[in-house]
Every structure is written in structure tokens, then in C-alpha cells.
Amino acid sequence: MIPGLLQLLVFQGLGELLARFVLPVVPGPVIGLVALLVWLRLRGRVGEGLEQVSAAFSRHLGLLFVPAAVGVVMFVPQLRESLPGLLAALVTSVVATIAVSAWLLKVLSPREDGDGQGDAGLDAAPADRAPLDAAPAEPRR
């Protein structure tokens, strides 16, 4: 388990160094996580120690939300004062997210012809050629 934790800390430190000197607009832990992902893809497997550490973190992930919840409870009076603005921002962001998602779905989904078959250009054979899975034609004599 210690080697896995050491790997995480090394990649986070590497990310912090890169964020400090090369990419100051990206947070160091994000750079470290991407570097760890690239390293694991090149390696082709996850080591036993790293797997143990990630399983332990996943089991206790809920504990990471405790400080945020305490902060929300501590600032309830300020939240009450800002409630209309917070609600407006939440509703606006939800509506905008749904609208952009629907637009992207419409733009990126295959077009439908009048027959309801979807994008016929991708899976239908041209009229002058037989489909690829059809039986070969008998030779002419």
C-alpha cells in the first residue's frame, strides 16, 4: 500500500512542479492525475499497491464531503441573504445545461430520412451493388 501512496504523491508533486513552472493555468493535481493516467496506459496495468490505495480512497470518498458540508452549515446566514441570487444561478445553469445538451444531441446525432431508417448512407448498399453480406451471384455462361 505504501508504494501506491508514494506513486500518487510523486505524480501529484510532478504535477505541482509543472503547474508552477510550465502550465500555471492548470492546477497541479490535475496535471499529476493526467500524468499518472498516461503512465498507467503506457505501462498497461495498475500495480497492486496503487490498486489498494485507490480502493481505500474509494471506500472512504464520502469523508471528503464533510468539510464542504460543515462550511455550508457555518455560513447559513450568508446563504439566506444570497438565496435569490443562488437560486437564479442554479436554475439558469440547469436550463442552459439542458439546452446545450439537447442542441449537441441534435447536431451530433445521425440524420433521419423520411423512412425512419436513420442515416441510410452509412449502412445501406448502393442500388447498383449488392450488399456485402449477400450470397455471391452465379457466374454467367
N, C-alpha and C. Protein backbone atom coordinates (compact mmCIF):
# COMPACT_ATOMS: atom_id res chain seq x y z
N MET A 1 0.82 -1.19 0.00
CA MET A 1 0.00 0.00 0.00
C MET A 1 0.87 1.26 0.00
N ILE A 2 1.99 1.22 0.68
CA ILE A 2 2.89 2.37 0.74
C ILE A 2 3.44 2.72 -0.65
N PRO A 3 3.85 1.74 -1.48
CA PRO A 3 4.31 2.10 -2.82
C PRO A 3 3.23 2.79 -3.66
N GLY A 4 1.98 2.36 -3.52
CA GLY A 4 0.89 3.00 -4.25
C GLY A 4 0.67 4.44 -3.80
N LEU A 5 0.72 4.66 -2.49
CA LEU A 5 0.58 6.02 -1.96
C LEU A 5 1.76 6.88 -2.40
N LEU A 6 2.94 6.31 -2.44
CA LEU A 6 4.12 7.03 -2.90
C LEU A 6 3.97 7.42 -4.37
N GLN A 7 3.42 6.51 -5.18
CA GLN A 7 3.19 6.83 -6.60
C GLN A 7 2.24 8.02 -6.74
N LEU A 8 1.17 8.01 -5.98
CA LEU A 8 0.22 9.13 -6.04
C LEU A 8 0.89 10.44 -5.65
N LEU A 9 1.67 10.40 -4.58
CA LEU A 9 2.34 11.63 -4.12
C LEU A 9 3.39 12.10 -5.12
N VAL A 10 4.11 11.18 -5.74
CA VAL A 10 5.12 11.58 -6.73
C VAL A 10 4.45 12.25 -7.93
N PHE A 11 3.36 11.66 -8.42
CA PHE A 11 2.70 12.26 -9.57
C PHE A 11 2.02 13.58 -9.21
N GLN A 12 1.51 13.70 -7.99
CA GLN A 12 0.95 15.00 -7.59
C GLN A 12 2.06 16.04 -7.48
N GLY A 13 3.21 15.66 -6.93
CA GLY A 13 4.34 16.58 -6.86
C GLY A 13 4.84 16.98 -8.23
N LEU A 14 4.90 16.02 -9.15
CA LEU A 14 5.29 16.33 -10.53
C LEU A 14 4.30 17.31 -11.16
N GLY A 15 3.02 17.07 -10.91
CA GLY A 15 2.00 17.99 -11.42
C GLY A 15 2.14 19.38 -10.84
N GLU A 16 2.44 19.46 -9.55
CA GLU A 16 2.63 20.77 -8.91
C GLU A 16 3.83 21.51 -9.51
N LEU A 17 4.92 20.78 -9.76
CA LEU A 17 6.08 21.41 -10.37
C LEU A 17 5.77 21.91 -11.78
N LEU A 18 5.09 21.08 -12.56
CA LEU A 18 4.73 21.51 -13.92
C LEU A 18 3.77 22.69 -13.88
N ALA A 19 2.84 22.69 -12.94
CA ALA A 19 1.91 23.81 -12.83
C ALA A 19 2.62 25.09 -12.41
N ARG A 20 3.62 24.95 -11.59
CA ARG A 20 4.33 26.14 -11.11
C ARG A 20 5.20 26.76 -12.20
N PHE A 21 5.87 25.91 -13.00
CA PHE A 21 6.86 26.43 -13.94
C PHE A 21 6.47 26.35 -15.41
N VAL A 22 5.53 25.48 -15.78
CA VAL A 22 5.22 25.29 -17.20
C VAL A 22 3.79 25.70 -17.54
N LEU A 23 2.81 25.16 -16.81
CA LEU A 23 1.39 25.42 -17.09
C LEU A 23 0.72 26.04 -15.88
N PRO A 24 0.90 27.32 -15.64
CA PRO A 24 0.35 27.90 -14.41
C PRO A 24 -1.18 28.02 -14.39
N VAL A 25 -1.85 27.82 -15.53
CA VAL A 25 -3.31 27.96 -15.54
C VAL A 25 -4.02 26.66 -15.17
N VAL A 26 -3.30 25.54 -15.16
CA VAL A 26 -3.90 24.24 -14.83
C VAL A 26 -3.44 23.85 -13.43
N PRO A 27 -4.37 23.41 -12.57
CA PRO A 27 -3.97 23.01 -11.21
C PRO A 27 -3.00 21.82 -11.23
N GLY A 28 -2.07 21.83 -10.31
CA GLY A 28 -1.06 20.78 -10.22
C GLY A 28 -1.63 19.38 -10.06
N PRO A 29 -2.62 19.18 -9.17
CA PRO A 29 -3.18 17.83 -9.04
C PRO A 29 -3.82 17.31 -10.33
N VAL A 30 -4.38 18.20 -11.14
CA VAL A 30 -4.97 17.78 -12.41
C VAL A 30 -3.87 17.32 -13.36
N ILE A 31 -2.78 18.07 -13.44
CA ILE A 31 -1.66 17.68 -14.29
C ILE A 31 -1.08 16.35 -13.80
N GLY A 32 -0.95 16.21 -12.48
CA GLY A 32 -0.43 14.96 -11.93
C GLY A 32 -1.33 13.78 -12.23
N LEU A 33 -2.64 13.98 -12.18
CA LEU A 33 -3.58 12.90 -12.48
C LEU A 33 -3.49 12.50 -13.94
N VAL A 34 -3.38 13.48 -14.82
CA VAL A 34 -3.23 13.17 -16.26
C VAL A 34 -1.90 12.45 -16.50
N ALA A 35 -0.84 12.88 -15.84
CA ALA A 35 0.46 12.21 -15.99
C ALA A 35 0.38 10.77 -15.48
N LEU A 36 -0.31 10.56 -14.37
CA LEU A 36 -0.49 9.21 -13.84
C LEU A 36 -1.28 8.35 -14.82
N LEU A 37 -2.31 8.91 -15.41
CA LEU A 37 -3.11 8.18 -16.39
C LEU A 37 -2.27 7.78 -17.60
N VAL A 38 -1.47 8.71 -18.10
CA VAL A 38 -0.59 8.41 -19.24
C VAL A 38 0.41 7.33 -18.87
N TRP A 39 0.98 7.43 -17.69
CA TRP A 39 1.95 6.44 -17.25
C TRP A 39 1.31 5.05 -17.13
N LEU A 40 0.10 5.00 -16.57
CA LEU A 40 -0.58 3.71 -16.44
C LEU A 40 -0.95 3.13 -17.79
N ARG A 41 -1.34 3.99 -18.74
CA ARG A 41 -1.66 3.50 -20.09
C ARG A 41 -0.42 2.95 -20.77
N LEU A 42 0.71 3.62 -20.61
CA LEU A 42 1.96 3.14 -21.21
C LEU A 42 2.41 1.83 -20.56
N ARG A 43 2.22 1.75 -19.28
CA ARG A 43 2.62 0.55 -18.53
C ARG A 43 1.68 -0.62 -18.83
N GLY A 44 0.41 -0.33 -19.05
CA GLY A 44 -0.55 -1.37 -19.40
C GLY A 44 -1.23 -2.06 -18.23
N ARG A 45 -0.88 -1.68 -17.03
CA ARG A 45 -1.52 -2.30 -15.86
C ARG A 45 -1.38 -1.38 -14.65
N VAL A 46 -2.21 -1.65 -13.66
CA VAL A 46 -2.16 -0.91 -12.40
C VAL A 46 -1.48 -1.80 -11.38
N GLY A 47 -0.49 -1.29 -10.71
CA GLY A 47 0.22 -2.07 -9.70
C GLY A 47 -0.67 -2.39 -8.51
N GLU A 48 -0.29 -3.42 -7.78
CA GLU A 48 -1.10 -3.87 -6.63
C GLU A 48 -1.21 -2.79 -5.56
N GLY A 49 -0.11 -2.11 -5.28
CA GLY A 49 -0.13 -1.06 -4.26
C GLY A 49 -1.05 0.09 -4.63
N LEU A 50 -0.99 0.52 -5.89
CA LEU A 50 -1.85 1.62 -6.34
C LEU A 50 -3.31 1.19 -6.34
N GLU A 51 -3.56 -0.07 -6.66
CA GLU A 51 -4.93 -0.58 -6.64
C GLU A 51 -5.48 -0.60 -5.21
N GLN A 52 -4.65 -0.96 -4.25
CA GLN A 52 -5.08 -0.98 -2.85
C GLN A 52 -5.39 0.44 -2.35
N VAL A 53 -4.53 1.38 -2.71
CA VAL A 53 -4.75 2.76 -2.26
C VAL A 53 -6.01 3.34 -2.90
N SER A 54 -6.20 3.09 -4.18
CA SER A 54 -7.40 3.62 -4.85
C SER A 54 -8.66 2.99 -4.30
N ALA A 55 -8.62 1.70 -3.94
CA ALA A 55 -9.79 1.05 -3.34
C ALA A 55 -10.09 1.65 -1.98
N ALA A 56 -9.05 1.91 -1.20
CA ALA A 56 -9.26 2.51 0.13
C ALA A 56 -9.84 3.92 0.00
N PHE A 57 -9.31 4.70 -0.94
CA PHE A 57 -9.85 6.05 -1.15
C PHE A 57 -11.30 5.99 -1.62
N SER A 58 -11.60 5.04 -2.48
CA SER A 58 -12.97 4.93 -2.99
C SER A 58 -13.95 4.55 -1.89
N ARG A 59 -13.52 3.68 -0.97
CA ARG A 59 -14.39 3.27 0.14
C ARG A 59 -14.72 4.44 1.06
N HIS A 60 -13.79 5.37 1.19
CA HIS A 60 -13.96 6.48 2.14
C HIS A 60 -14.16 7.82 1.43
N LEU A 61 -14.64 7.79 0.22
CA LEU A 61 -14.82 9.01 -0.56
C LEU A 61 -15.81 9.98 0.09
N GLY A 62 -16.81 9.44 0.76
CA GLY A 62 -17.80 10.29 1.41
C GLY A 62 -17.22 11.21 2.46
N LEU A 63 -16.10 10.82 3.07
CA LEU A 63 -15.48 11.67 4.09
C LEU A 63 -14.96 12.98 3.51
N LEU A 64 -14.69 13.00 2.21
CA LEU A 64 -14.18 14.23 1.60
C LEU A 64 -15.26 15.31 1.52
N PHE A 65 -16.53 14.92 1.65
CA PHE A 65 -17.61 15.90 1.58
C PHE A 65 -17.93 16.52 2.93
N VAL A 66 -17.37 15.97 4.01
CA VAL A 66 -17.66 16.50 5.34
C VAL A 66 -17.20 17.95 5.49
N PRO A 67 -15.99 18.34 5.10
CA PRO A 67 -15.60 19.75 5.25
C PRO A 67 -16.51 20.70 4.46
N ALA A 68 -16.94 20.29 3.28
CA ALA A 68 -17.83 21.15 2.50
C ALA A 68 -19.18 21.30 3.20
N ALA A 69 -19.69 20.22 3.75
CA ALA A 69 -20.97 20.29 4.46
C ALA A 69 -20.86 21.16 5.71
N VAL A 70 -19.75 21.07 6.42
CA VAL A 70 -19.54 21.91 7.60
C VAL A 70 -19.49 23.38 7.18
N GLY A 71 -18.83 23.66 6.07
CA GLY A 71 -18.77 25.04 5.58
C GLY A 71 -20.14 25.58 5.23
N VAL A 72 -20.98 24.74 4.63
CA VAL A 72 -22.33 25.19 4.28
C VAL A 72 -23.12 25.49 5.54
N VAL A 73 -23.01 24.63 6.55
CA VAL A 73 -23.75 24.84 7.80
C VAL A 73 -23.25 26.08 8.51
N MET A 74 -21.95 26.34 8.46
CA MET A 74 -21.40 27.52 9.13
C MET A 74 -21.87 28.82 8.50
N PHE A 75 -22.12 28.80 7.21
CA PHE A 75 -22.46 30.04 6.51
C PHE A 75 -23.93 30.11 6.12
N VAL A 76 -24.81 29.48 6.88
CA VAL A 76 -26.25 29.51 6.59
C VAL A 76 -26.79 30.94 6.58
N PRO A 77 -26.42 31.82 7.50
CA PRO A 77 -26.95 33.20 7.44
C PRO A 77 -26.58 33.92 6.14
N GLN A 78 -25.34 33.78 5.70
CA GLN A 78 -24.94 34.41 4.45
C GLN A 78 -25.65 33.77 3.26
N LEU A 79 -25.87 32.48 3.32
CA LEU A 79 -26.59 31.80 2.24
C LEU A 79 -28.03 32.27 2.16
N ARG A 80 -28.66 32.50 3.32
CA ARG A 80 -30.05 33.01 3.32
C ARG A 80 -30.12 34.39 2.67
N GLU A 81 -29.13 35.23 2.93
CA GLU A 81 -29.12 36.56 2.33
C GLU A 81 -28.96 36.49 0.81
N SER A 82 -28.22 35.53 0.34
CA SER A 82 -27.94 35.40 -1.09
C SER A 82 -28.85 34.39 -1.79
N LEU A 83 -29.89 33.92 -1.11
CA LEU A 83 -30.72 32.85 -1.65
C LEU A 83 -31.34 33.17 -3.01
N PRO A 84 -31.90 34.37 -3.23
CA PRO A 84 -32.48 34.63 -4.57
C PRO A 84 -31.44 34.55 -5.68
N GLY A 85 -30.27 35.10 -5.46
CA GLY A 85 -29.22 35.04 -6.47
C GLY A 85 -28.73 33.63 -6.69
N LEU A 86 -28.58 32.86 -5.61
CA LEU A 86 -28.15 31.47 -5.74
C LEU A 86 -29.17 30.64 -6.51
N LEU A 87 -30.45 30.81 -6.19
CA LEU A 87 -31.49 30.08 -6.91
C LEU A 87 -31.53 30.47 -8.38
N ALA A 88 -31.39 31.76 -8.66
CA ALA A 88 -31.39 32.20 -10.06
C ALA A 88 -30.21 31.59 -10.81
N ALA A 89 -29.05 31.57 -10.18
CA ALA A 89 -27.87 30.99 -10.83
C ALA A 89 -28.05 29.49 -11.04
N LEU A 90 -28.59 28.80 -10.06
CA LEU A 90 -28.82 27.35 -10.20
C LEU A 90 -29.81 27.04 -11.31
N VAL A 91 -30.94 27.74 -11.32
CA VAL A 91 -31.96 27.48 -12.34
C VAL A 91 -31.42 27.82 -13.73
N THR A 92 -30.74 28.95 -13.85
CA THR A 92 -30.18 29.35 -15.14
C THR A 92 -29.16 28.33 -15.64
N SER A 93 -28.28 27.88 -14.76
CA SER A 93 -27.27 26.92 -15.18
C SER A 93 -27.87 25.57 -15.56
N VAL A 94 -28.91 25.14 -14.85
CA VAL A 94 -29.57 23.87 -15.19
C VAL A 94 -30.26 23.99 -16.54
N VAL A 95 -30.99 25.08 -16.77
CA VAL A 95 -31.68 25.27 -18.05
C VAL A 95 -30.67 25.38 -19.19
N ALA A 96 -29.59 26.11 -18.97
CA ALA A 96 -28.57 26.25 -20.01
C ALA A 96 -27.91 24.91 -20.31
N THR A 97 -27.64 24.12 -19.29
CA THR A 97 -27.03 22.80 -19.49
C THR A 97 -27.95 21.89 -20.28
N ILE A 98 -29.22 21.88 -19.95
CA ILE A 98 -30.17 21.04 -20.69
C ILE A 98 -30.30 21.52 -22.13
N ALA A 99 -30.34 22.82 -22.34
CA ALA A 99 -30.48 23.35 -23.70
C ALA A 99 -29.24 23.02 -24.55
N VAL A 100 -28.06 23.20 -24.00
CA VAL A 100 -26.84 22.90 -24.75
C VAL A 100 -26.73 21.40 -25.02
N SER A 101 -27.10 20.57 -24.05
CA SER A 101 -27.06 19.12 -24.25
C SER A 101 -28.03 18.70 -25.34
N ALA A 102 -29.24 19.27 -25.34
CA ALA A 102 -30.22 18.93 -26.39
C ALA A 102 -29.74 19.40 -27.75
N TRP A 103 -29.16 20.58 -27.81
CA TRP A 103 -28.64 21.09 -29.09
C TRP A 103 -27.51 20.20 -29.60
N LEU A 104 -26.57 19.81 -28.71
CA LEU A 104 -25.49 18.92 -29.13
C LEU A 104 -26.01 17.57 -29.60
N LEU A 105 -27.02 17.04 -28.92
CA LEU A 105 -27.61 15.78 -29.33
C LEU A 105 -28.21 15.90 -30.71
N LYS A 106 -28.87 17.00 -30.97
CA LYS A 106 -29.48 17.22 -32.28
C LYS A 106 -28.41 17.37 -33.37
N VAL A 107 -27.36 18.10 -33.07
CA VAL A 107 -26.31 18.35 -34.06
C VAL A 107 -25.48 17.10 -34.33
N LEU A 108 -25.17 16.34 -33.30
CA LEU A 108 -24.26 15.22 -33.46
C LEU A 108 -24.93 13.89 -33.76
N SER A 109 -26.25 13.79 -33.63
CA SER A 109 -26.92 12.52 -33.92
C SER A 109 -27.11 12.36 -35.42
N PRO A 110 -27.18 11.10 -35.90
CA PRO A 110 -27.36 10.87 -37.34
C PRO A 110 -28.71 11.42 -37.81
N ARG A 111 -28.72 11.90 -39.05
CA ARG A 111 -29.94 12.46 -39.63
C ARG A 111 -30.90 11.34 -39.97
N GLU A 112 -32.19 11.61 -39.89
CA GLU A 112 -33.22 10.64 -40.25
C GLU A 112 -33.81 11.03 -41.59
N ASP A 113 -33.97 10.03 -42.47
CA ASP A 113 -34.68 10.24 -43.72
C ASP A 113 -36.17 10.09 -43.45
N GLY A 114 -36.95 10.24 -44.48
CA GLY A 114 -38.39 10.13 -44.32
C GLY A 114 -38.85 8.74 -43.94
N ASP A 115 -38.02 7.69 -44.19
CA ASP A 115 -38.45 6.33 -43.92
C ASP A 115 -38.15 5.89 -42.48
N GLY A 116 -37.54 6.74 -41.68
CA GLY A 116 -37.27 6.41 -40.29
C GLY A 116 -36.11 5.45 -40.11
N GLN A 117 -35.29 5.25 -41.12
CA GLN A 117 -34.19 4.30 -41.05
C GLN A 117 -32.90 4.93 -40.53
N GLY A 118 -32.91 6.19 -40.21
CA GLY A 118 -31.68 6.84 -39.73
C GLY A 118 -30.82 7.26 -40.90
N ASP A 119 -29.52 7.30 -40.69
CA ASP A 119 -28.60 7.73 -41.73
C ASP A 119 -28.36 6.58 -42.69
N ALA A 120 -29.10 6.55 -43.76
CA ALA A 120 -29.05 5.44 -44.70
C ALA A 120 -27.74 5.38 -45.45
N GLY A 121 -27.00 6.46 -45.51
CA GLY A 121 -25.76 6.48 -46.26
C GLY A 121 -24.67 5.63 -45.63
N LEU A 122 -24.78 5.31 -44.36
CA LEU A 122 -23.71 4.58 -43.71
C LEU A 122 -23.91 3.07 -43.76
N ASP A 123 -25.16 2.58 -43.68
CA ASP A 123 -25.31 1.14 -43.60
C ASP A 123 -26.09 0.53 -44.75
N ALA A 124 -26.50 1.28 -45.72
CA ALA A 124 -27.22 0.70 -46.85
C ALA A 124 -26.28 0.64 -48.05
N ALA A 125 -26.42 -0.44 -48.83
CA ALA A 125 -25.60 -0.59 -50.02
C ALA A 125 -26.20 0.22 -51.15
N PRO A 126 -25.38 0.75 -52.04
CA PRO A 126 -25.91 1.49 -53.18
C PRO A 126 -26.79 0.57 -54.02
N ALA A 127 -27.70 1.17 -54.77
CA ALA A 127 -28.66 0.39 -55.54
C ALA A 127 -27.99 -0.44 -56.62
N ASP A 128 -26.85 0.00 -57.16
CA ASP A 128 -26.22 -0.74 -58.25
C ASP A 128 -25.27 -1.83 -57.75
N ARG A 129 -25.07 -1.96 -56.44
CA ARG A 129 -24.21 -3.01 -55.89
C ARG A 129 -24.99 -3.82 -54.87
N ALA A 130 -24.64 -5.09 -54.78
CA ALA A 130 -25.27 -5.97 -53.80
C ALA A 130 -24.67 -5.69 -52.43
N PRO A 131 -25.44 -5.92 -51.37
CA PRO A 131 -24.88 -5.75 -50.02
C PRO A 131 -23.72 -6.71 -49.80
N LEU A 132 -22.83 -6.36 -48.87
CA LEU A 132 -21.64 -7.16 -48.63
C LEU A 132 -21.98 -8.54 -48.08
N ASP A 133 -23.09 -8.67 -47.35
CA ASP A 133 -23.40 -9.96 -46.77
C ASP A 133 -24.29 -10.82 -47.67
N ALA A 134 -24.55 -10.38 -48.89
CA ALA A 134 -25.37 -11.16 -49.80
C ALA A 134 -24.55 -12.32 -50.39
N ALA A 135 -25.24 -13.38 -50.79
CA ALA A 135 -24.58 -14.53 -51.40
C ALA A 135 -24.01 -14.12 -52.75
N PRO A 136 -22.86 -14.69 -53.13
CA PRO A 136 -22.28 -14.31 -54.41
C PRO A 136 -23.18 -14.75 -55.57
N ALA A 137 -23.20 -13.96 -56.60
CA ALA A 137 -24.03 -14.26 -57.77
C ALA A 137 -23.45 -15.42 -58.54
N GLU A 138 -24.30 -16.17 -59.21
CA GLU A 138 -23.85 -17.30 -60.04
C GLU A 138 -23.12 -16.75 -61.25
N PRO A 139 -22.03 -17.38 -61.66
CA PRO A 139 -21.30 -16.89 -62.84
C PRO A 139 -22.14 -17.07 -64.10
N ARG A 140 -22.04 -16.12 -65.03
CA ARG A 140 -22.78 -16.20 -66.28
C ARG A 140 -22.04 -17.09 -67.27
N ARG A 141 -22.80 -17.83 -68.09
CA ARG A 141 -22.18 -18.70 -69.10
C ARG A 141 -22.49 -18.25 -70.47
